[in-house]
Amino acid sequence: TFYIRFFLTYLPLLGVKGVLGLHLLVRFIESNWFVWV
């Protein structure tokens, strides 16, 4: 349900490559935040 919601929300705005890039960017920033804490 998370991935369905995420793709339905951003796919019309960013396209497939944009959605995948956004998801990777979010996880990258989150990962730095999470690991340091």
PDB file of all heavy atoms in Angstrom:
ATOM      1  N   THR A   1       0.836  -1.208   0.000  1.00  0.00           N
ATOM      2  CA  THR A   1       0.000   0.000   0.000  1.00  0.00           C
ATOM      3  C   THR A   1       0.867   1.252   0.000  1.00  0.00           C
ATOM      4  O   THR A   1       0.478   2.277  -0.577  1.00  0.00           O
ATOM      5  CB  THR A   1      -0.948   0.032   1.208  1.00  0.00           C
ATOM      6  OG1 THR A   1      -0.192   0.132   2.431  1.00  0.00           O
ATOM      7  CG2 THR A   1      -1.836  -1.196   1.246  1.00  0.00           C
ATOM      8  N   PHE A   2       2.032   1.177   0.631  1.00  0.00           N
ATOM      9  CA  PHE A   2       2.945   2.330   0.619  1.00  0.00           C
ATOM     10  C   PHE A   2       3.430   2.606  -0.801  1.00  0.00           C
ATOM     11  O   PHE A   2       3.406   3.753  -1.276  1.00  0.00           O
ATOM     12  CB  PHE A   2       4.148   2.073   1.540  1.00  0.00           C
ATOM     13  CG  PHE A   2       5.293   3.029   1.307  1.00  0.00           C
ATOM     14  CD1 PHE A   2       5.287   4.293   1.878  1.00  0.00           C
ATOM     15  CD2 PHE A   2       6.378   2.674   0.503  1.00  0.00           C
ATOM     16  CE1 PHE A   2       6.342   5.187   1.654  1.00  0.00           C
ATOM     17  CE2 PHE A   2       7.422   3.549   0.271  1.00  0.00           C
ATOM     18  CZ  PHE A   2       7.403   4.812   0.852  1.00  0.00           C
ATOM     19  N   TYR A   3       3.891   1.556  -1.486  1.00  0.00           N
ATOM     20  CA  TYR A   3       4.457   1.744  -2.818  1.00  0.00           C
ATOM     21  C   TYR A   3       3.379   2.129  -3.836  1.00  0.00           C
ATOM     22  O   TYR A   3       3.623   2.946  -4.737  1.00  0.00           O
ATOM     23  CB  TYR A   3       5.199   0.481  -3.248  1.00  0.00           C
ATOM     24  CG  TYR A   3       6.468   0.278  -2.475  1.00  0.00           C
ATOM     25  CD1 TYR A   3       6.504  -0.599  -1.391  1.00  0.00           C
ATOM     26  CD2 TYR A   3       7.616   0.990  -2.784  1.00  0.00           C
ATOM     27  CE1 TYR A   3       7.671  -0.766  -0.644  1.00  0.00           C
ATOM     28  CE2 TYR A   3       8.789   0.837  -2.052  1.00  0.00           C
ATOM     29  CZ  TYR A   3       8.802  -0.044  -0.991  1.00  0.00           C
ATOM     30  OH  TYR A   3       9.944  -0.182  -0.250  1.00  0.00           O
ATOM     31  N   ILE A   4       2.198   1.563  -3.688  1.00  0.00           N
ATOM     32  CA  ILE A   4       1.101   1.936  -4.582  1.00  0.00           C
ATOM     33  C   ILE A   4       0.756   3.415  -4.406  1.00  0.00           C
ATOM     34  O   ILE A   4       0.611   4.160  -5.380  1.00  0.00           O
ATOM     35  CB  ILE A   4      -0.128   1.052  -4.311  1.00  0.00           C
ATOM     36  CG1 ILE A   4       0.163  -0.392  -4.738  1.00  0.00           C
ATOM     37  CG2 ILE A   4      -1.357   1.588  -5.041  1.00  0.00           C
ATOM     38  CD1 ILE A   4      -0.921  -1.377  -4.334  1.00  0.00           C
ATOM     39  N   ARG A   5       0.616   3.847  -3.151  1.00  0.00           N
ATOM     40  CA  ARG A   5       0.309   5.254  -2.871  1.00  0.00           C
ATOM     41  C   ARG A   5       1.417   6.175  -3.374  1.00  0.00           C
ATOM     42  O   ARG A   5       1.157   7.229  -3.970  1.00  0.00           O
ATOM     43  CB  ARG A   5       0.100   5.456  -1.373  1.00  0.00           C
ATOM     44  CG  ARG A   5      -0.117   6.907  -0.958  1.00  0.00           C
ATOM     45  CD  ARG A   5      -0.437   7.016   0.529  1.00  0.00           C
ATOM     46  NE  ARG A   5       0.581   6.407   1.366  1.00  0.00           N
ATOM     47  CZ  ARG A   5       1.723   7.020   1.730  1.00  0.00           C
ATOM     48  NH1 ARG A   5       1.990   8.242   1.283  1.00  0.00           N
ATOM     49  NH2 ARG A   5       2.589   6.415   2.511  1.00  0.00           N
ATOM     50  N   PHE A   6       2.666   5.780  -3.143  1.00  0.00           N
ATOM     51  CA  PHE A   6       3.803   6.606  -3.541  1.00  0.00           C
ATOM     52  C   PHE A   6       3.829   6.789  -5.062  1.00  0.00           C
ATOM     53  O   PHE A   6       3.989   7.912  -5.566  1.00  0.00           O
ATOM     54  CB  PHE A   6       5.102   5.946  -3.054  1.00  0.00           C
ATOM     55  CG  PHE A   6       6.326   6.787  -3.240  1.00  0.00           C
ATOM     56  CD1 PHE A   6       6.713   7.714  -2.262  1.00  0.00           C
ATOM     57  CD2 PHE A   6       7.110   6.664  -4.376  1.00  0.00           C
ATOM     58  CE1 PHE A   6       7.847   8.498  -2.431  1.00  0.00           C
ATOM     59  CE2 PHE A   6       8.249   7.440  -4.545  1.00  0.00           C
ATOM     60  CZ  PHE A   6       8.615   8.352  -3.576  1.00  0.00           C
ATOM     61  N   PHE A   7       3.660   5.697  -5.785  1.00  0.00           N
ATOM     62  CA  PHE A   7       3.738   5.778  -7.244  1.00  0.00           C
ATOM     63  C   PHE A   7       2.523   6.492  -7.834  1.00  0.00           C
ATOM     64  O   PHE A   7       2.653   7.263  -8.780  1.00  0.00           O
ATOM     65  CB  PHE A   7       3.891   4.374  -7.843  1.00  0.00           C
ATOM     66  CG  PHE A   7       5.313   3.884  -7.852  1.00  0.00           C
ATOM     67  CD1 PHE A   7       5.862   3.267  -6.743  1.00  0.00           C
ATOM     68  CD2 PHE A   7       6.118   4.073  -8.970  1.00  0.00           C
ATOM     69  CE1 PHE A   7       7.177   2.837  -6.750  1.00  0.00           C
ATOM     70  CE2 PHE A   7       7.434   3.639  -8.990  1.00  0.00           C
ATOM     71  CZ  PHE A   7       7.963   3.016  -7.876  1.00  0.00           C
ATOM     72  N   LEU A   8       1.337   6.258  -7.286  1.00  0.00           N
ATOM     73  CA  LEU A   8       0.154   6.949  -7.792  1.00  0.00           C
ATOM     74  C   LEU A   8       0.246   8.453  -7.552  1.00  0.00           C
ATOM     75  O   LEU A   8      -0.262   9.250  -8.341  1.00  0.00           O
ATOM     76  CB  LEU A   8      -1.100   6.386  -7.118  1.00  0.00           C
ATOM     77  CG  LEU A   8      -1.547   4.995  -7.561  1.00  0.00           C
ATOM     78  CD1 LEU A   8      -2.792   4.562  -6.783  1.00  0.00           C
ATOM     79  CD2 LEU A   8      -1.813   4.947  -9.064  1.00  0.00           C
ATOM     80  N   THR A   9       0.900   8.834  -6.451  1.00  0.00           N
ATOM     81  CA  THR A   9       1.016  10.251  -6.116  1.00  0.00           C
ATOM     82  C   THR A   9       2.006  10.975  -7.025  1.00  0.00           C
ATOM     83  O   THR A   9       1.726  12.070  -7.533  1.00  0.00           O
ATOM     84  CB  THR A   9       1.457  10.422  -4.650  1.00  0.00           C
ATOM     85  OG1 THR A   9       0.508   9.779  -3.793  1.00  0.00           O
ATOM     86  CG2 THR A   9       1.554  11.899  -4.281  1.00  0.00           C
ATOM     87  N   TYR A  10       3.160  10.373  -7.270  1.00  0.00           N
ATOM     88  CA  TYR A  10       4.247  11.091  -7.945  1.00  0.00           C
ATOM     89  C   TYR A  10       4.450  10.723  -9.415  1.00  0.00           C
ATOM     90  O   TYR A  10       5.114  11.463 -10.146  1.00  0.00           O
ATOM     91  CB  TYR A  10       5.562  10.865  -7.189  1.00  0.00           C
ATOM     92  CG  TYR A  10       5.554  11.475  -5.808  1.00  0.00           C
ATOM     93  CD1 TYR A  10       5.500  10.670  -4.667  1.00  0.00           C
ATOM     94  CD2 TYR A  10       5.574  12.862  -5.640  1.00  0.00           C
ATOM     95  CE1 TYR A  10       5.474  11.230  -3.397  1.00  0.00           C
ATOM     96  CE2 TYR A  10       5.543  13.424  -4.378  1.00  0.00           C
ATOM     97  CZ  TYR A  10       5.491  12.603  -3.256  1.00  0.00           C
ATOM     98  OH  TYR A  10       5.456  13.165  -2.000  1.00  0.00           O
ATOM     99  N   LEU A  11       3.894   9.587  -9.836  1.00  0.00           N
ATOM    100  CA  LEU A  11       4.090   9.182 -11.232  1.00  0.00           C
ATOM    101  C   LEU A  11       3.559  10.204 -12.236  1.00  0.00           C
ATOM    102  O   LEU A  11       4.256  10.542 -13.213  1.00  0.00           O
ATOM    103  CB  LEU A  11       3.446   7.814 -11.477  1.00  0.00           C
ATOM    104  CG  LEU A  11       3.839   7.101 -12.776  1.00  0.00           C
ATOM    105  CD1 LEU A  11       5.347   6.849 -12.812  1.00  0.00           C
ATOM    106  CD2 LEU A  11       3.085   5.788 -12.920  1.00  0.00           C
ATOM    107  N   PRO A  12       2.350  10.756 -12.036  1.00  0.00           N
ATOM    108  CA  PRO A  12       1.862  11.767 -12.992  1.00  0.00           C
ATOM    109  C   PRO A  12       2.703  13.039 -13.014  1.00  0.00           C
ATOM    110  O   PRO A  12       2.733  13.758 -14.020  1.00  0.00           O
ATOM    111  CB  PRO A  12       0.441  12.079 -12.486  1.00  0.00           C
ATOM    112  CG  PRO A  12       0.058  10.898 -11.652  1.00  0.00           C
ATOM    113  CD  PRO A  12       1.333  10.434 -11.015  1.00  0.00           C
ATOM    114  N   LEU A  13       3.400  13.320 -11.932  1.00  0.00           N
ATOM    115  CA  LEU A  13       4.185  14.544 -11.836  1.00  0.00           C
ATOM    116  C   LEU A  13       5.612  14.368 -12.335  1.00  0.00           C
ATOM    117  O   LEU A  13       6.179  15.283 -12.951  1.00  0.00           O
ATOM    118  CB  LEU A  13       4.223  15.022 -10.377  1.00  0.00           C
ATOM    119  CG  LEU A  13       2.876  15.328  -9.713  1.00  0.00           C
ATOM    120  CD1 LEU A  13       3.077  15.611  -8.227  1.00  0.00           C
ATOM    121  CD2 LEU A  13       2.215  16.512 -10.401  1.00  0.00           C
ATOM    122  N   LEU A  14       6.204  13.208 -12.075  1.00  0.00           N
ATOM    123  CA  LEU A  14       7.640  13.034 -12.309  1.00  0.00           C
ATOM    124  C   LEU A  14       7.979  11.990 -13.368  1.00  0.00           C
ATOM    125  O   LEU A  14       9.118  11.955 -13.838  1.00  0.00           O
ATOM    126  CB  LEU A  14       8.331  12.648 -10.988  1.00  0.00           C
ATOM    127  CG  LEU A  14       8.142  13.615  -9.815  1.00  0.00           C
ATOM    128  CD1 LEU A  14       8.760  13.031  -8.546  1.00  0.00           C
ATOM    129  CD2 LEU A  14       8.756  14.968 -10.126  1.00  0.00           C
ATOM    130  N   GLY A  15       7.061  11.117 -13.702  1.00  0.00           N
ATOM    131  CA  GLY A  15       7.382  10.031 -14.608  1.00  0.00           C
ATOM    132  C   GLY A  15       8.079   8.896 -13.873  1.00  0.00           C
ATOM    133  O   GLY A  15       8.407   9.012 -12.686  1.00  0.00           O
ATOM    134  N   VAL A  16       8.345   7.802 -14.565  1.00  0.00           N
ATOM    135  CA  VAL A  16       8.919   6.611 -13.936  1.00  0.00           C
ATOM    136  C   VAL A  16      10.309   6.886 -13.381  1.00  0.00           C
ATOM    137  O   VAL A  16      10.596   6.590 -12.213  1.00  0.00           O
ATOM    138  CB  VAL A  16       8.975   5.437 -14.938  1.00  0.00           C
ATOM    139  CG1 VAL A  16       9.668   4.233 -14.292  1.00  0.00           C
ATOM    140  CG2 VAL A  16       7.574   5.046 -15.392  1.00  0.00           C
ATOM    141  N   LYS A  17      11.185   7.464 -14.190  1.00  0.00           N
ATOM    142  CA  LYS A  17      12.546   7.739 -13.734  1.00  0.00           C
ATOM    143  C   LYS A  17      12.552   8.734 -12.576  1.00  0.00           C
ATOM    144  O   LYS A  17      13.320   8.595 -11.618  1.00  0.00           O
ATOM    145  CB  LYS A  17      13.399   8.284 -14.884  1.00  0.00           C
ATOM    146  CG  LYS A  17      13.700   7.262 -15.960  1.00  0.00           C
ATOM    147  CD  LYS A  17      14.605   7.856 -17.023  1.00  0.00           C
ATOM    148  CE  LYS A  17      14.931   6.823 -18.109  1.00  0.00           C
ATOM    149  NZ  LYS A  17      15.803   7.402 -19.174  1.00  0.00           N
ATOM    150  N   GLY A  18      11.688   9.727 -12.654  1.00  0.00           N
ATOM    151  CA  GLY A  18      11.616  10.720 -11.587  1.00  0.00           C
ATOM    152  C   GLY A  18      11.146  10.120 -10.273  1.00  0.00           C
ATOM    153  O   GLY A  18      11.676  10.451  -9.207  1.00  0.00           O
ATOM    154  N   VAL A  19      10.158   9.226 -10.342  1.00  0.00           N
ATOM    155  CA  VAL A  19       9.652   8.577  -9.130  1.00  0.00           C
ATOM    156  C   VAL A  19      10.721   7.705  -8.496  1.00  0.00           C
ATOM    157  O   VAL A  19      10.932   7.733  -7.272  1.00  0.00           O
ATOM    158  CB  VAL A  19       8.396   7.730  -9.442  1.00  0.00           C
ATOM    159  CG1 VAL A  19       8.021   6.866  -8.249  1.00  0.00           C
ATOM    160  CG2 VAL A  19       7.237   8.626  -9.814  1.00  0.00           C
ATOM    161  N   LEU A  20      11.400   6.917  -9.309  1.00  0.00           N
ATOM    162  CA  LEU A  20      12.473   6.053  -8.789  1.00  0.00           C
ATOM    163  C   LEU A  20      13.598   6.896  -8.205  1.00  0.00           C
ATOM    164  O   LEU A  20      14.168   6.555  -7.162  1.00  0.00           O
ATOM    165  CB  LEU A  20      13.004   5.148  -9.905  1.00  0.00           C
ATOM    166  CG  LEU A  20      12.014   4.116 -10.454  1.00  0.00           C
ATOM    167  CD1 LEU A  20      12.636   3.356 -11.619  1.00  0.00           C
ATOM    168  CD2 LEU A  20      11.576   3.155  -9.358  1.00  0.00           C
ATOM    169  N   GLY A  21      13.927   8.001  -8.876  1.00  0.00           N
ATOM    170  CA  GLY A  21      14.972   8.890  -8.362  1.00  0.00           C
ATOM    171  C   GLY A  21      14.573   9.536  -7.052  1.00  0.00           C
ATOM    172  O   GLY A  21      15.392   9.638  -6.123  1.00  0.00           O
ATOM    173  N   LEU A  22      13.311   9.960  -6.952  1.00  0.00           N
ATOM    174  CA  LEU A  22      12.830  10.558  -5.711  1.00  0.00           C
ATOM    175  C   LEU A  22      12.876   9.551  -4.570  1.00  0.00           C
ATOM    176  O   LEU A  22      13.307   9.883  -3.460  1.00  0.00           O
ATOM    177  CB  LEU A  22      11.401  11.072  -5.899  1.00  0.00           C
ATOM    178  CG  LEU A  22      10.718  11.604  -4.638  1.00  0.00           C
ATOM    179  CD1 LEU A  22      11.455  12.826  -4.093  1.00  0.00           C
ATOM    180  CD2 LEU A  22       9.254  11.945  -4.923  1.00  0.00           C
ATOM    181  N   HIS A  23      12.440   8.347  -4.852  1.00  0.00           N
ATOM    182  CA  HIS A  23      12.439   7.309  -3.811  1.00  0.00           C
ATOM    183  C   HIS A  23      13.851   7.021  -3.324  1.00  0.00           C
ATOM    184  O   HIS A  23      14.099   6.897  -2.123  1.00  0.00           O
ATOM    185  CB  HIS A  23      11.800   6.027  -4.349  1.00  0.00           C
ATOM    186  CG  HIS A  23      11.678   4.949  -3.332  1.00  0.00           C
ATOM    187  ND1 HIS A  23      12.578   3.905  -3.236  1.00  0.00           N
ATOM    188  CD2 HIS A  23      10.770   4.743  -2.334  1.00  0.00           C
ATOM    189  CE1 HIS A  23      12.223   3.117  -2.237  1.00  0.00           C
ATOM    190  NE2 HIS A  23      11.137   3.592  -1.679  1.00  0.00           N
ATOM    191  N   LEU A  24      14.794   6.931  -4.261  1.00  0.00           N
ATOM    192  CA  LEU A  24      16.186   6.689  -3.893  1.00  0.00           C
ATOM    193  C   LEU A  24      16.744   7.852  -3.090  1.00  0.00           C
ATOM    194  O   LEU A  24      17.468   7.644  -2.099  1.00  0.00           O
ATOM    195  CB  LEU A  24      17.027   6.461  -5.149  1.00  0.00           C
ATOM    196  CG  LEU A  24      18.514   6.149  -4.918  1.00  0.00           C
ATOM    197  CD1 LEU A  24      18.669   4.842  -4.133  1.00  0.00           C
ATOM    198  CD2 LEU A  24      19.254   6.041  -6.254  1.00  0.00           C
ATOM    199  N   LEU A  25      16.417   9.069  -3.473  1.00  0.00           N
ATOM    200  CA  LEU A  25      16.899  10.252  -2.751  1.00  0.00           C
ATOM    201  C   LEU A  25      16.359  10.284  -1.328  1.00  0.00           C
ATOM    202  O   LEU A  25      17.096  10.557  -0.377  1.00  0.00           O
ATOM    203  CB  LEU A  25      16.481  11.524  -3.495  1.00  0.00           C
ATOM    204  CG  LEU A  25      16.826  12.857  -2.813  1.00  0.00           C
ATOM    205  CD1 LEU A  25      18.342  13.021  -2.696  1.00  0.00           C
ATOM    206  CD2 LEU A  25      16.205  14.026  -3.579  1.00  0.00           C
ATOM    207  N   VAL A  26      15.064   9.984  -1.185  1.00  0.00           N
ATOM    208  CA  VAL A  26      14.448   9.968   0.144  1.00  0.00           C
ATOM    209  C   VAL A  26      15.120   8.932   1.034  1.00  0.00           C
ATOM    210  O   VAL A  26      15.453   9.201   2.195  1.00  0.00           O
ATOM    211  CB  VAL A  26      12.941   9.688   0.031  1.00  0.00           C
ATOM    212  CG1 VAL A  26      12.341   9.387   1.407  1.00  0.00           C
ATOM    213  CG2 VAL A  26      12.221  10.879  -0.596  1.00  0.00           C
ATOM    214  N   ARG A  27      15.330   7.740   0.486  1.00  0.00           N
ATOM    215  CA  ARG A  27      15.969   6.668   1.271  1.00  0.00           C
ATOM    216  C   ARG A  27      17.420   7.007   1.611  1.00  0.00           C
ATOM    217  O   ARG A  27      17.908   6.650   2.686  1.00  0.00           O
ATOM    218  CB  ARG A  27      15.913   5.339   0.516  1.00  0.00           C
ATOM    219  CG  ARG A  27      14.518   4.774   0.336  1.00  0.00           C
ATOM    220  CD  ARG A  27      13.788   4.632   1.644  1.00  0.00           C
ATOM    221  NE  ARG A  27      12.497   3.983   1.506  1.00  0.00           N
ATOM    222  CZ  ARG A  27      11.500   4.103   2.354  1.00  0.00           C
ATOM    223  NH1 ARG A  27      11.626   4.891   3.422  1.00  0.00           N
ATOM    224  NH2 ARG A  27      10.359   3.471   2.168  1.00  0.00           N
ATOM    225  N   PHE A  28      18.094   7.676   0.706  1.00  0.00           N
ATOM    226  CA  PHE A  28      19.485   8.077   0.944  1.00  0.00           C
ATOM    227  C   PHE A  28      19.571   9.075   2.098  1.00  0.00           C
ATOM    228  O   PHE A  28      20.392   8.920   3.007  1.00  0.00           O
ATOM    229  CB  PHE A  28      20.067   8.688  -0.335  1.00  0.00           C
ATOM    230  CG  PHE A  28      21.412   9.334  -0.150  1.00  0.00           C
ATOM    231  CD1 PHE A  28      22.564   8.564  -0.077  1.00  0.00           C
ATOM    232  CD2 PHE A  28      21.519  10.716  -0.044  1.00  0.00           C
ATOM    233  CE1 PHE A  28      23.812   9.160   0.104  1.00  0.00           C
ATOM    234  CE2 PHE A  28      22.758  11.311   0.137  1.00  0.00           C
ATOM    235  CZ  PHE A  28      23.902  10.536   0.214  1.00  0.00           C
ATOM    236  N   ILE A  29      18.709  10.093   2.083  1.00  0.00           N
ATOM    237  CA  ILE A  29      18.716  11.092   3.154  1.00  0.00           C
ATOM    238  C   ILE A  29      18.281  10.457   4.472  1.00  0.00           C
ATOM    239  O   ILE A  29      18.894  10.679   5.520  1.00  0.00           O
ATOM    240  CB  ILE A  29      17.800  12.275   2.791  1.00  0.00           C
ATOM    241  CG1 ILE A  29      18.321  12.980   1.539  1.00  0.00           C
ATOM    242  CG2 ILE A  29      17.699  13.251   3.961  1.00  0.00           C
ATOM    243  CD1 ILE A  29      17.392  14.063   1.010  1.00  0.00           C
ATOM    244  N   GLU A  30      17.228   9.643   4.410  1.00  0.00           N
ATOM    245  CA  GLU A  30      16.739   8.966   5.608  1.00  0.00           C
ATOM    246  C   GLU A  30      17.820   8.069   6.212  1.00  0.00           C
ATOM    247  O   GLU A  30      17.973   7.989   7.430  1.00  0.00           O
ATOM    248  CB  GLU A  30      15.516   8.130   5.259  1.00  0.00           C
ATOM    249  CG  GLU A  30      14.994   7.294   6.411  1.00  0.00           C
ATOM    250  CD  GLU A  30      14.013   6.223   5.963  1.00  0.00           C
ATOM    251  OE1 GLU A  30      13.801   6.059   4.747  1.00  0.00           O
ATOM    252  OE2 GLU A  30      13.478   5.527   6.844  1.00  0.00           O
ATOM    253  N   SER A  31      18.560   7.377   5.351  1.00  0.00           N
ATOM    254  CA  SER A  31      19.590   6.451   5.814  1.00  0.00           C
ATOM    255  C   SER A  31      20.672   7.179   6.596  1.00  0.00           C
ATOM    256  O   SER A  31      21.108   6.719   7.654  1.00  0.00           O
ATOM    257  CB  SER A  31      20.209   5.716   4.619  1.00  0.00           C
ATOM    258  OG  SER A  31      21.102   4.719   5.049  1.00  0.00           O
ATOM    259  N   ASN A  32      21.132   8.319   6.069  1.00  0.00           N
ATOM    260  CA  ASN A  32      22.136   9.106   6.797  1.00  0.00           C
ATOM    261  C   ASN A  32      21.604   9.539   8.160  1.00  0.00           C
ATOM    262  O   ASN A  32      22.290   9.427   9.177  1.00  0.00           O
ATOM    263  CB  ASN A  32      22.530  10.332   5.975  1.00  0.00           C
ATOM    264  CG  ASN A  32      23.499  10.006   4.868  1.00  0.00           C
ATOM    265  OD1 ASN A  32      24.710   9.966   5.075  1.00  0.00           O
ATOM    266  ND2 ASN A  32      22.980   9.751   3.675  1.00  0.00           N
ATOM    267  N   TRP A  33      20.383  10.033   8.180  1.00  0.00           N
ATOM    268  CA  TRP A  33      19.735  10.487   9.408  1.00  0.00           C
ATOM    269  C   TRP A  33      19.638   9.333  10.400  1.00  0.00           C
ATOM    270  O   TRP A  33      20.038   9.443  11.563  1.00  0.00           O
ATOM    271  CB  TRP A  33      18.350  11.018   9.043  1.00  0.00           C
ATOM    272  CG  TRP A  33      17.613  11.774  10.105  1.00  0.00           C
ATOM    273  CD1 TRP A  33      17.738  11.618  11.462  1.00  0.00           C
ATOM    274  CD2 TRP A  33      16.635  12.794   9.905  1.00  0.00           C
ATOM    275  NE1 TRP A  33      16.885  12.469  12.122  1.00  0.00           N
ATOM    276  CE2 TRP A  33      16.188  13.205  11.183  1.00  0.00           C
ATOM    277  CE3 TRP A  33      16.072  13.384   8.777  1.00  0.00           C
ATOM    278  CZ2 TRP A  33      15.208  14.176  11.349  1.00  0.00           C
ATOM    279  CZ3 TRP A  33      15.106  14.345   8.941  1.00  0.00           C
ATOM    280  CH2 TRP A  33      14.687  14.745  10.217  1.00  0.00           C
ATOM    281  N   PHE A  34      19.119   8.206   9.938  1.00  0.00           N
ATOM    282  CA  PHE A  34      18.884   7.043  10.787  1.00  0.00           C
ATOM    283  C   PHE A  34      20.175   6.485  11.378  1.00  0.00           C
ATOM    284  O   PHE A  34      20.269   6.217  12.579  1.00  0.00           O
ATOM    285  CB  PHE A  34      18.164   5.955   9.980  1.00  0.00           C
ATOM    286  CG  PHE A  34      18.055   4.636  10.681  1.00  0.00           C
ATOM    287  CD1 PHE A  34      17.085   4.428  11.659  1.00  0.00           C
ATOM    288  CD2 PHE A  34      18.919   3.590  10.372  1.00  0.00           C
ATOM    289  CE1 PHE A  34      16.983   3.204  12.309  1.00  0.00           C
ATOM    290  CE2 PHE A  34      18.824   2.372  11.021  1.00  0.00           C
ATOM    291  CZ  PHE A  34      17.855   2.180  11.989  1.00  0.00           C
ATOM    292  N   VAL A  35      21.197   6.314  10.540  1.00  0.00           N
ATOM    293  CA  VAL A  35      22.443   5.696  11.008  1.00  0.00           C
ATOM    294  C   VAL A  35      23.143   6.566  12.042  1.00  0.00           C
ATOM    295  O   VAL A  35      23.619   6.074  13.068  1.00  0.00           O
ATOM    296  CB  VAL A  35      23.385   5.400   9.825  1.00  0.00           C
ATOM    297  CG1 VAL A  35      24.764   4.971  10.312  1.00  0.00           C
ATOM    298  CG2 VAL A  35      22.784   4.312   8.941  1.00  0.00           C
ATOM    299  N   TRP A  36      23.210   7.883  11.801  1.00  0.00           N
ATOM    300  CA  TRP A  36      23.898   8.744  12.768  1.00  0.00           C
ATOM    301  C   TRP A  36      23.218   8.707  14.130  1.00  0.00           C
ATOM    302  O   TRP A  36      23.876   8.650  15.170  1.00  0.00           O
ATOM    303  CB  TRP A  36      23.976  10.178  12.244  1.00  0.00           C
ATOM    304  CG  TRP A  36      25.076  10.343  11.243  1.00  0.00           C
ATOM    305  CD1 TRP A  36      24.943  10.526   9.895  1.00  0.00           C
ATOM    306  CD2 TRP A  36      26.482  10.295  11.497  1.00  0.00           C
ATOM    307  NE1 TRP A  36      26.175  10.605   9.298  1.00  0.00           N
ATOM    308  CE2 TRP A  36      27.146  10.466  10.266  1.00  0.00           C
ATOM    309  CE3 TRP A  36      27.249  10.120  12.644  1.00  0.00           C
ATOM    310  CZ2 TRP A  36      28.523  10.465  10.152  1.00  0.00           C
ATOM    311  CZ3 TRP A  36      28.629  10.136  12.525  1.00  0.00           C
ATOM    312  CH2 TRP A  36      29.249  10.300  11.295  1.00  0.00           C
ATOM    313  N   VAL A  37      21.887   8.716  14.137  1.00  0.00           N
ATOM    314  CA  VAL A  37      21.165   8.708  15.413  1.00  0.00           C
ATOM    315  C   VAL A  37      21.344   7.382  16.130  1.00  0.00           C
ATOM    316  O   VAL A  37      21.615   7.333  17.339  1.00  0.00           O
ATOM    317  CB  VAL A  37      19.662   9.001  15.192  1.00  0.00           C
ATOM    318  CG1 VAL A  37      18.862   8.756  16.470  1.00  0.00           C
ATOM    319  CG2 VAL A  37      19.473  10.442  14.732  1.00  0.00           C
TER     320      VAL A  37
END
